[in-house]
Each structure stands twice: as C-alpha cells, then as structure tokens.
C-alpha cells in the first residue's frame, strides 16, 4: 500500500488505459501496482504532479471538500495580466462546467516570473508575435473539469500551459522527477501530505 508521485507529461491522460489516440499513464511503463489509480485528475493538456495510489481510501482523504488540500498551479497565459484580472480571478467566478452552473471558491492568485527549472513543453505552446505571454500562480482547494482553463478564459487570459506544481506540502520540484518519472512517497512525505 503506497502513494506515488508522477510528473505527468503533456498529452498523457490521468487514467491507466489509452482512450482513442490519447495515451493513458499505463503507456509510460512505470512499474506501479496493477490496482494503482489516479487521485484526482489532470487533463491531457496539463502537466505536473499527479498522485497515484493502490489504497482506495486515499481518494476520499485527499479530495474531501471538508478538509481540502490546496493544489498549486503554474499557468502560462496569453497577454499581460492586469491587477483587475488577477483580482477577479481570485474571487468566486460563475462558470458552466459540463453544462451545469458552478461557482468557484475564492483562490490565491499572483503574477510570477517564469518558473525555474521547468523543461520545455513537447510540443511547444502556440505563440503569437504581437501578443506577450505571462505566468501566474493559482492555489485552488477544489478541482472541476478544466477549471483553471475556464477561470483564466473567463477573465480574458486564455491558458497556454498548465503545470500542477504542488499538492499541499508536496512540491514537484522537490520530488526530483522529470516528466514521465514516478516514485513512491517516503513515509515522511506521506505523513506530511495526510496531515496537511
């Protein structure tokens, strides 16, 4: 029984099996237990820290809305964010997700420099010479389908690249994982995660 951290590459689904032309994480040949599954999800176009476990109760413990674990995202957006856009992004937003009305919880948002040590994406993001890009950091305590992308689009900043940088106290860069690499959490990391 264990919790694993995977640095999910761009284009890979948060499920074991392939779906159409999209590869699941099983295609990465990680050598995980056959009953391991993803805790929460990252869409195929997103990268970064994905937790997996062969303990069924971990999903409830780590995604319990009564004890939410903050998830930190680095988001490369189109344009240069204004103070007003960042303010609006941090406040509850009314979105439509899978055809249903949804109001986001407040979240933490700030402009950041290009994060150190992130590898280039393969394939690269689309760029336009006349439109700059910028990075923001968002800390959410919930996770609906493509929520970050919908949030940034709703304030006029389309997401170009999305990386989950941390889950509670677990920071992807501290875990030492290149894209496509996985490792089991240490007992200390596991305890920090569950007690956060």
C-alpha atoms as a PDB file:
ATOM      1  CA  UNK A   1       0.000   0.000   0.000  1.00  0.00           C
ATOM      2  CA  UNK A   2       1.573   3.260  -1.130  1.00  0.00           C
ATOM      3  CA  UNK A   3       1.152   6.732  -2.603  1.00  0.00           C
ATOM      4  CA  UNK A   4       3.166   7.565  -5.719  1.00  0.00           C
ATOM      5  CA  UNK A   5       4.042  10.927  -7.275  1.00  0.00           C
ATOM      6  CA  UNK A   6       4.122  11.112 -11.076  1.00  0.00           C
ATOM      7  CA  UNK A   7       5.330  14.072 -13.111  1.00  0.00           C
ATOM      8  CA  UNK A   8       2.631  13.700 -15.752  1.00  0.00           C
ATOM      9  CA  UNK A   9       3.797  14.737 -19.211  1.00  0.00           C
ATOM     10  CA  UNK A  10       1.726  16.788 -21.642  1.00  0.00           C
ATOM     11  CA  UNK A  11      -0.618  14.651 -23.763  1.00  0.00           C
ATOM     12  CA  UNK A  12      -0.987  11.794 -21.275  1.00  0.00           C
ATOM     13  CA  UNK A  13      -4.356  11.019 -19.661  1.00  0.00           C
ATOM     14  CA  UNK A  14      -4.799  10.680 -15.893  1.00  0.00           C
ATOM     15  CA  UNK A  15      -6.025   7.123 -16.340  1.00  0.00           C
ATOM     16  CA  UNK A  16      -4.190   3.860 -16.873  1.00  0.00           C
ATOM     17  CA  UNK A  17      -5.694   2.929 -20.231  1.00  0.00           C
ATOM     18  CA  UNK A  18      -5.485   4.698 -23.575  1.00  0.00           C
ATOM     19  CA  UNK A  19      -8.562   6.436 -24.942  1.00  0.00           C
ATOM     20  CA  UNK A  20      -8.668   6.802 -28.696  1.00  0.00           C
ATOM     21  CA  UNK A  21      -5.446   8.473 -29.825  1.00  0.00           C
ATOM     22  CA  UNK A  22      -4.669   9.673 -26.287  1.00  0.00           C
ATOM     23  CA  UNK A  23      -2.246   7.609 -24.198  1.00  0.00           C
ATOM     24  CA  UNK A  24      -3.015   6.778 -20.575  1.00  0.00           C
ATOM     25  CA  UNK A  25      -0.331   6.768 -17.896  1.00  0.00           C
ATOM     26  CA  UNK A  26      -0.087   2.985 -18.321  1.00  0.00           C
ATOM     27  CA  UNK A  27       1.763   3.682 -21.577  1.00  0.00           C
ATOM     28  CA  UNK A  28       4.651   5.127 -19.539  1.00  0.00           C
ATOM     29  CA  UNK A  29       5.611   1.649 -18.209  1.00  0.00           C
ATOM     30  CA  UNK A  30       6.017   2.896 -14.651  1.00  0.00           C
ATOM     31  CA  UNK A  31       6.008  -0.495 -12.930  1.00  0.00           C
ATOM     32  CA  UNK A  32       3.254   0.512 -10.495  1.00  0.00           C
ATOM     33  CA  UNK A  33       0.922  -1.990  -8.798  1.00  0.00           C
ATOM     34  CA  UNK A  34      -1.814  -3.055 -11.209  1.00  0.00           C
ATOM     35  CA  UNK A  35      -4.530  -1.687  -8.909  1.00  0.00           C
ATOM     36  CA  UNK A  36      -2.974   1.817  -8.693  1.00  0.00           C
ATOM     37  CA  UNK A  37      -5.232   4.677  -9.779  1.00  0.00           C
ATOM     38  CA  UNK A  38      -5.033   8.456 -10.037  1.00  0.00           C
ATOM     39  CA  UNK A  39      -6.173  10.588  -7.107  1.00  0.00           C
ATOM     40  CA  UNK A  40      -7.958  13.457  -8.800  1.00  0.00           C
ATOM     41  CA  UNK A  41      -7.153  14.281 -12.380  1.00  0.00           C
ATOM     42  CA  UNK A  42      -5.145  16.466 -14.702  1.00  0.00           C
ATOM     43  CA  UNK A  43      -6.495  16.792 -18.220  1.00  0.00           C
ATOM     44  CA  UNK A  44      -4.323  15.507 -21.063  1.00  0.00           C
ATOM     45  CA  UNK A  45      -3.198  19.049 -21.937  1.00  0.00           C
ATOM     46  CA  UNK A  46      -1.924  19.680 -18.386  1.00  0.00           C
ATOM     47  CA  UNK A  47       1.369  18.638 -16.847  1.00  0.00           C
ATOM     48  CA  UNK A  48       2.862  18.147 -13.438  1.00  0.00           C
ATOM     49  CA  UNK A  49       2.209  16.467 -10.121  1.00  0.00           C
ATOM     50  CA  UNK A  50      -0.300  13.638 -10.266  1.00  0.00           C
ATOM     51  CA  UNK A  51      -0.741  11.409  -7.219  1.00  0.00           C
ATOM     52  CA  UNK A  52      -1.482   7.708  -7.645  1.00  0.00           C
ATOM     53  CA  UNK A  53      -2.233   5.073  -5.047  1.00  0.00           C
ATOM     54  CA  UNK A  54      -3.272   1.467  -4.594  1.00  0.00           C
ATOM     55  CA  UNK A  55      -5.172   2.477  -1.430  1.00  0.00           C
ATOM     56  CA  UNK A  56      -8.816   3.148  -2.301  1.00  0.00           C
ATOM     57  CA  UNK A  57      -9.468   5.359   0.738  1.00  0.00           C
ATOM     58  CA  UNK A  58      -6.793   7.870  -0.364  1.00  0.00           C
ATOM     59  CA  UNK A  59      -9.184   9.418  -2.888  1.00  0.00           C
ATOM     60  CA  UNK A  60     -11.619  10.344  -0.101  1.00  0.00           C
ATOM     61  CA  UNK A  61      -8.894  11.523   2.270  1.00  0.00           C
ATOM     62  CA  UNK A  62      -7.117  13.787  -0.210  1.00  0.00           C
ATOM     63  CA  UNK A  63     -10.160  15.120  -2.078  1.00  0.00           C
ATOM     64  CA  UNK A  64     -12.501  15.598   0.902  1.00  0.00           C
ATOM     65  CA  UNK A  65     -14.134  19.045   0.488  1.00  0.00           C
ATOM     66  CA  UNK A  66     -14.366  19.331   4.294  1.00  0.00           C
ATOM     67  CA  UNK A  67     -10.538  19.156   4.550  1.00  0.00           C
ATOM     68  CA  UNK A  68      -9.368  20.469   1.190  1.00  0.00           C
ATOM     69  CA  UNK A  69      -5.715  20.235   0.249  1.00  0.00           C
ATOM     70  CA  UNK A  70      -4.501  23.264  -1.699  1.00  0.00           C
ATOM     71  CA  UNK A  71      -3.243  22.466  -5.172  1.00  0.00           C
ATOM     72  CA  UNK A  72      -0.793  24.942  -6.691  1.00  0.00           C
ATOM     73  CA  UNK A  73      -0.733  25.553 -10.441  1.00  0.00           C
ATOM     74  CA  UNK A  74       1.682  27.485 -12.602  1.00  0.00           C
ATOM     75  CA  UNK A  75      -0.280  28.883 -15.512  1.00  0.00           C
ATOM     76  CA  UNK A  76       1.183  30.460 -18.630  1.00  0.00           C
ATOM     77  CA  UNK A  77      -1.452  32.787 -20.025  1.00  0.00           C
ATOM     78  CA  UNK A  78      -1.865  34.829 -23.157  1.00  0.00           C
ATOM     79  CA  UNK A  79      -1.419  38.548 -22.570  1.00  0.00           C
ATOM     80  CA  UNK A  80      -0.139  40.502 -19.595  1.00  0.00           C
ATOM     81  CA  UNK A  81      -2.438  40.156 -16.566  1.00  0.00           C
ATOM     82  CA  UNK A  82      -3.783  43.355 -15.079  1.00  0.00           C
ATOM     83  CA  UNK A  83      -4.355  43.822 -11.353  1.00  0.00           C
ATOM     84  CA  UNK A  84      -8.096  43.774 -12.065  1.00  0.00           C
ATOM     85  CA  UNK A  85      -7.901  40.446 -13.928  1.00  0.00           C
ATOM     86  CA  UNK A  86      -5.914  38.892 -11.071  1.00  0.00           C
ATOM     87  CA  UNK A  87      -8.379  40.261  -8.502  1.00  0.00           C
ATOM     88  CA  UNK A  88     -11.364  38.849 -10.413  1.00  0.00           C
ATOM     89  CA  UNK A  89      -9.621  35.509 -10.858  1.00  0.00           C
ATOM     90  CA  UNK A  90      -9.157  35.176  -7.095  1.00  0.00           C
ATOM     91  CA  UNK A  91     -12.813  35.871  -6.326  1.00  0.00           C
ATOM     92  CA  UNK A  92     -15.700  33.428  -6.876  1.00  0.00           C
ATOM     93  CA  UNK A  93     -16.476  33.107 -10.570  1.00  0.00           C
ATOM     94  CA  UNK A  94     -19.652  31.792 -12.169  1.00  0.00           C
ATOM     95  CA  UNK A  95     -18.758  29.175 -14.766  1.00  0.00           C
ATOM     96  CA  UNK A  96     -20.500  26.474 -16.752  1.00  0.00           C
ATOM     97  CA  UNK A  97     -18.823  23.101 -16.368  1.00  0.00           C
ATOM     98  CA  UNK A  98     -20.205  20.135 -18.281  1.00  0.00           C
ATOM     99  CA  UNK A  99     -23.410  22.079 -18.892  1.00  0.00           C
ATOM    100  CA  UNK A 100     -24.024  22.944 -15.235  1.00  0.00           C
ATOM    101  CA  UNK A 101     -23.687  26.247 -13.397  1.00  0.00           C
ATOM    102  CA  UNK A 102     -20.762  26.258 -10.970  1.00  0.00           C
ATOM    103  CA  UNK A 103     -19.405  28.959  -8.674  1.00  0.00           C
ATOM    104  CA  UNK A 104     -15.720  28.675  -7.810  1.00  0.00           C
ATOM    105  CA  UNK A 105     -14.366  29.127  -4.317  1.00  0.00           C
ATOM    106  CA  UNK A 106     -12.023  32.053  -3.695  1.00  0.00           C
ATOM    107  CA  UNK A 107      -8.426  31.172  -4.552  1.00  0.00           C
ATOM    108  CA  UNK A 108      -4.963  32.661  -4.238  1.00  0.00           C
ATOM    109  CA  UNK A 109      -3.609  34.262  -7.422  1.00  0.00           C
ATOM    110  CA  UNK A 110      -0.408  36.165  -8.123  1.00  0.00           C
ATOM    111  CA  UNK A 111       1.854  37.051 -11.026  1.00  0.00           C
ATOM    112  CA  UNK A 112       5.160  35.156 -11.027  1.00  0.00           C
ATOM    113  CA  UNK A 113       8.340  35.099 -13.079  1.00  0.00           C
ATOM    114  CA  UNK A 114       8.935  32.191 -15.433  1.00  0.00           C
ATOM    115  CA  UNK A 115       9.298  29.246 -13.009  1.00  0.00           C
ATOM    116  CA  UNK A 116      12.865  27.991 -12.642  1.00  0.00           C
ATOM    117  CA  UNK A 117      13.757  24.565 -13.938  1.00  0.00           C
ATOM    118  CA  UNK A 118      10.672  23.719 -15.949  1.00  0.00           C
ATOM    119  CA  UNK A 119      11.512  21.781 -19.097  1.00  0.00           C
ATOM    120  CA  UNK A 120      10.287  22.971 -22.485  1.00  0.00           C
ATOM    121  CA  UNK A 121       6.934  21.506 -23.422  1.00  0.00           C
ATOM    122  CA  UNK A 122       6.767  18.971 -26.233  1.00  0.00           C
ATOM    123  CA  UNK A 123       5.117  20.116 -28.440  1.00  0.00           C
ATOM    124  CA  UNK A 124       5.785  23.797 -27.698  1.00  0.00           C
ATOM    125  CA  UNK A 125       2.882  26.127 -26.892  1.00  0.00           C
ATOM    126  CA  UNK A 126       1.457  28.252 -29.694  1.00  0.00           C
ATOM    127  CA  UNK A 127       2.800  31.785 -29.668  1.00  0.00           C
ATOM    128  CA  UNK A 128       1.874  34.959 -31.485  1.00  0.00           C
ATOM    129  CA  UNK A 129       4.492  37.630 -32.068  1.00  0.00           C
ATOM    130  CA  UNK A 130       2.144  40.516 -31.304  1.00  0.00           C
ATOM    131  CA  UNK A 131       0.792  39.047 -28.030  1.00  0.00           C
ATOM    132  CA  UNK A 132       3.036  38.524 -24.990  1.00  0.00           C
ATOM    133  CA  UNK A 133       2.632  35.703 -22.505  1.00  0.00           C
ATOM    134  CA  UNK A 134       2.974  35.735 -18.727  1.00  0.00           C
ATOM    135  CA  UNK A 135       2.951  33.308 -15.797  1.00  0.00           C
ATOM    136  CA  UNK A 136       0.606  33.336 -12.822  1.00  0.00           C
ATOM    137  CA  UNK A 137       0.351  31.058  -9.801  1.00  0.00           C
ATOM    138  CA  UNK A 138      -3.028  29.833  -8.592  1.00  0.00           C
ATOM    139  CA  UNK A 139      -3.783  27.850  -5.430  1.00  0.00           C
ATOM    140  CA  UNK A 140      -7.160  26.098  -5.591  1.00  0.00           C
ATOM    141  CA  UNK A 141      -8.924  23.967  -2.984  1.00  0.00           C
ATOM    142  CA  UNK A 142     -11.232  22.294  -5.489  1.00  0.00           C
ATOM    143  CA  UNK A 143     -10.898  20.749  -8.905  1.00  0.00           C
ATOM    144  CA  UNK A 144     -13.594  20.607 -11.557  1.00  0.00           C
ATOM    145  CA  UNK A 145     -13.141  19.597 -15.182  1.00  0.00           C
ATOM    146  CA  UNK A 146     -10.701  22.031 -16.834  1.00  0.00           C
ATOM    147  CA  UNK A 147     -11.471  24.548 -14.082  1.00  0.00           C
ATOM    148  CA  UNK A 148      -8.258  26.583 -14.234  1.00  0.00           C
ATOM    149  CA  UNK A 149      -8.566  26.948 -18.003  1.00  0.00           C
ATOM    150  CA  UNK A 150     -12.196  28.054 -17.722  1.00  0.00           C
ATOM    151  CA  UNK A 151     -11.317  30.511 -14.960  1.00  0.00           C
ATOM    152  CA  UNK A 152      -8.492  32.228 -16.839  1.00  0.00           C
ATOM    153  CA  UNK A 153     -10.566  32.360 -20.047  1.00  0.00           C
ATOM    154  CA  UNK A 154     -13.459  33.972 -18.158  1.00  0.00           C
ATOM    155  CA  UNK A 155     -11.253  36.954 -17.244  1.00  0.00           C
ATOM    156  CA  UNK A 156      -9.741  37.276 -20.736  1.00  0.00           C
ATOM    157  CA  UNK A 157      -6.488  35.353 -20.223  1.00  0.00           C
ATOM    158  CA  UNK A 158      -6.519  32.070 -22.171  1.00  0.00           C
ATOM    159  CA  UNK A 159      -4.300  29.356 -20.674  1.00  0.00           C
ATOM    160  CA  UNK A 160      -1.405  28.286 -22.891  1.00  0.00           C
ATOM    161  CA  UNK A 161       0.382  25.941 -20.467  1.00  0.00           C
ATOM    162  CA  UNK A 162      -0.730  24.486 -17.156  1.00  0.00           C
ATOM    163  CA  UNK A 163       1.528  22.740 -14.626  1.00  0.00           C
ATOM    164  CA  UNK A 164       0.428  21.404 -11.244  1.00  0.00           C
ATOM    165  CA  UNK A 165       3.419  22.472  -9.166  1.00  0.00           C
ATOM    166  CA  UNK A 166       2.336  21.265  -5.720  1.00  0.00           C
ATOM    167  CA  UNK A 167      -0.299  19.325  -3.812  1.00  0.00           C
ATOM    168  CA  UNK A 168      -0.443  20.616  -0.257  1.00  0.00           C
ATOM    169  CA  UNK A 169       3.115  20.389   1.117  1.00  0.00           C
ATOM    170  CA  UNK A 170       4.384  18.215  -1.767  1.00  0.00           C
ATOM    171  CA  UNK A 171       6.289  20.363  -4.259  1.00  0.00           C
ATOM    172  CA  UNK A 172       7.010  18.814  -7.661  1.00  0.00           C
ATOM    173  CA  UNK A 173      10.469  20.372  -7.961  1.00  0.00           C
ATOM    174  CA  UNK A 174      11.468  18.992  -4.538  1.00  0.00           C
ATOM    175  CA  UNK A 175      10.490  15.469  -5.620  1.00  0.00           C
ATOM    176  CA  UNK A 176      13.188  15.401  -8.315  1.00  0.00           C
ATOM    177  CA  UNK A 177      11.003  13.943 -11.054  1.00  0.00           C
ATOM    178  CA  UNK A 178      11.487  14.611 -14.760  1.00  0.00           C
ATOM    179  CA  UNK A 179       8.369  14.403 -16.965  1.00  0.00           C
ATOM    180  CA  UNK A 180       7.237  10.774 -17.138  1.00  0.00           C
ATOM    181  CA  UNK A 181       9.048   9.742 -13.940  1.00  0.00           C
ATOM    182  CA  UNK A 182       7.367   8.349 -10.831  1.00  0.00           C
ATOM    183  CA  UNK A 183       8.434   7.471  -7.313  1.00  0.00           C
ATOM    184  CA  UNK A 184       6.837   6.301  -4.102  1.00  0.00           C
ATOM    185  CA  UNK A 185       6.416   8.917  -1.400  1.00  0.00           C
ATOM    186  CA  UNK A 186       8.575   8.430   1.659  1.00  0.00           C
ATOM    187  CA  UNK A 187       6.860   7.820   4.989  1.00  0.00           C
ATOM    188  CA  UNK A 188       7.665  11.423   5.958  1.00  0.00           C
ATOM    189  CA  UNK A 189       6.195  12.849   2.717  1.00  0.00           C
ATOM    190  CA  UNK A 190       3.107  10.665   3.083  1.00  0.00           C
ATOM    191  CA  UNK A 191       2.570  11.833   6.672  1.00  0.00           C
ATOM    192  CA  UNK A 192       3.059  15.489   5.693  1.00  0.00           C
ATOM    193  CA  UNK A 193       0.515  15.107   2.888  1.00  0.00           C
ATOM    194  CA  UNK A 194      -2.109  13.389   5.032  1.00  0.00           C
ATOM    195  CA  UNK A 195      -1.723  15.756   7.966  1.00  0.00           C
ATOM    196  CA  UNK A 196      -1.886  18.963   5.892  1.00  0.00           C
END
